Amino acid sequence: MKFLEGKRTFVVIGLFLILAIASLFIVGPGGSSIVPEWVYALLGAIGFGFLRSAITRLSGNKGWKTYVAVGAVVVISLIQAFGVVISPEIFTTIYAIFGSLGIVGIRDALGDLPAK
């Protein structure tokens, strides 16, 4: 897995693009997307985690906010993957809260980077 070092975020971005483009051309029953929303949320959380990991290596900041946000989104996405229905309002609210927490965590870590 050494060959993926430094490329994990780009792999996640590639998956996002492939799924998004596929969704444009392949439509499920009733005109629905072939890719469930939780897949995008899960990929976003994984990408956030990889980004935060890289910033941790650069800054030494081992903050908890982004990792809690990533963990929460992964858990919620997996719950949905197993067929548990979450109302769109609750789903959006949970992602907004934890997404904001993740962004704050990354901002905090970036503040610890040495100035040029």
Protein backbone atom coordinates (compact mmCIF):
# COMPACT_ATOMS: atom_id res chain seq x y z
CA MET A 1 0.00 0.00 0.00
CA LYS A 2 3.07 2.24 -0.06
CA PHE A 3 2.26 3.20 -3.66
CA LEU A 4 -0.96 4.92 -2.47
CA GLU A 5 0.89 7.16 -0.03
CA GLY A 6 0.19 10.76 -0.95
CA LYS A 7 -2.50 9.75 -3.46
CA ARG A 8 -5.41 8.63 -1.27
CA THR A 9 -7.32 11.91 -1.54
CA PHE A 10 -6.96 11.84 -5.33
CA VAL A 11 -8.33 8.28 -5.42
CA VAL A 12 -11.42 9.44 -3.50
CA ILE A 13 -11.84 12.40 -5.88
CA GLY A 14 -11.57 10.00 -8.83
CA LEU A 15 -14.28 7.77 -7.36
CA PHE A 16 -16.52 10.81 -6.84
CA LEU A 17 -16.08 11.84 -10.47
CA ILE A 18 -16.63 8.35 -11.86
CA LEU A 19 -19.83 7.90 -9.84
CA ALA A 20 -21.12 11.38 -10.67
CA ILE A 21 -20.53 10.93 -14.40
CA ALA A 22 -22.01 7.43 -14.33
CA SER A 23 -25.10 8.85 -12.59
CA LEU A 24 -25.58 11.26 -15.48
CA PHE A 25 -25.72 8.48 -18.04
CA ILE A 26 -27.16 5.55 -16.12
CA VAL A 27 -30.54 6.14 -14.54
CA GLY A 28 -32.25 3.77 -12.16
CA PRO A 29 -35.95 2.88 -11.99
CA GLY A 30 -38.25 5.87 -12.02
CA GLY A 31 -35.45 8.22 -13.04
CA SER A 32 -33.61 7.83 -9.73
CA SER A 33 -29.86 8.02 -9.35
CA ILE A 34 -28.00 4.71 -9.39
CA VAL A 35 -25.74 5.99 -6.59
CA PRO A 36 -27.39 6.41 -3.18
CA GLU A 37 -26.72 9.67 -1.30
CA TRP A 38 -24.97 7.84 1.52
CA VAL A 39 -22.22 6.73 -0.91
CA TYR A 40 -21.31 10.34 -1.65
CA ALA A 41 -21.43 11.19 2.05
CA LEU A 42 -19.19 8.22 2.86
CA LEU A 43 -16.67 9.16 0.16
CA GLY A 44 -16.70 12.76 1.39
CA ALA A 45 -16.01 11.64 4.95
CA ILE A 46 -13.17 9.39 3.81
CA GLY A 47 -11.68 12.22 1.74
CA PHE A 48 -11.97 14.57 4.72
CA GLY A 49 -10.18 12.00 6.88
CA PHE A 50 -7.35 11.61 4.37
CA LEU A 51 -6.99 15.38 4.06
CA ARG A 52 -6.92 15.78 7.85
CA SER A 53 -4.34 13.02 8.14
CA ALA A 54 -2.06 14.84 5.69
CA ILE A 55 -2.44 18.11 7.60
CA THR A 56 -1.64 16.30 10.85
CA ARG A 57 1.63 15.08 9.33
CA LEU A 58 2.52 18.64 8.30
CA SER A 59 1.43 20.53 11.40
CA GLY A 60 1.69 17.98 14.19
CA ASN A 61 -1.81 19.04 15.31
CA LYS A 62 -3.62 15.93 16.48
CA GLY A 63 -7.00 17.61 17.05
CA TRP A 64 -10.12 15.55 17.46
CA LYS A 65 -12.84 17.55 15.69
CA THR A 66 -12.36 16.36 12.12
CA TYR A 67 -11.90 12.75 13.19
CA VAL A 68 -15.14 12.84 15.21
CA ALA A 69 -16.92 14.36 12.21
CA VAL A 70 -15.53 11.74 9.83
CA GLY A 71 -16.45 8.91 12.23
CA ALA A 72 -20.01 10.18 12.65
CA VAL A 73 -20.60 10.52 8.91
CA VAL A 74 -19.14 7.06 8.25
CA VAL A 75 -21.40 5.51 10.91
CA ILE A 76 -24.51 7.27 9.60
CA SER A 77 -23.66 6.29 6.01
CA LEU A 78 -23.17 2.66 6.98
CA ILE A 79 -26.46 2.66 8.91
CA GLN A 80 -28.16 3.85 5.72
CA ALA A 81 -26.27 1.26 3.68
CA PHE A 82 -27.88 -1.44 5.81
CA GLY A 83 -31.34 -0.14 4.93
CA VAL A 84 -32.21 2.00 7.95
CA VAL A 85 -34.29 4.90 6.67
CA ILE A 86 -33.36 8.33 7.98
CA SER A 87 -35.62 11.25 7.07
CA PRO A 88 -34.00 13.75 4.67
CA GLU A 89 -34.32 16.55 7.22
CA ILE A 90 -32.45 14.62 9.92
CA PHE A 91 -29.94 13.32 7.38
CA THR A 92 -29.13 16.83 6.13
CA THR A 93 -28.96 18.30 9.63
CA ILE A 94 -26.57 15.61 10.87
CA TYR A 95 -24.29 16.05 7.87
CA ALA A 96 -24.34 19.84 8.21
CA ILE A 97 -23.40 19.69 11.90
CA PHE A 98 -20.61 17.15 11.49
CA GLY A 99 -19.38 18.68 8.22
CA SER A 100 -19.02 22.03 9.98
CA LEU A 101 -17.16 20.38 12.85
CA GLY A 102 -14.80 18.74 10.36
CA ILE A 103 -14.09 22.05 8.65
CA VAL A 104 -13.33 23.70 12.00
CA GLY A 105 -10.93 20.87 12.82
CA ILE A 106 -9.05 21.34 9.57
CA ARG A 107 -8.94 25.11 10.07
CA ASP A 108 -7.48 24.61 13.56
CA ALA A 109 -4.81 22.26 12.21
CA LEU A 110 -3.90 24.64 9.39
CA GLY A 111 -3.41 27.37 12.00
CA ASP A 112 -0.61 25.24 13.50
CA LEU A 113 1.36 25.06 10.26
CA PRO A 114 4.61 26.99 10.41
CA ALA A 115 4.48 30.40 8.73
CA LYS A 116 6.65 30.96 5.68
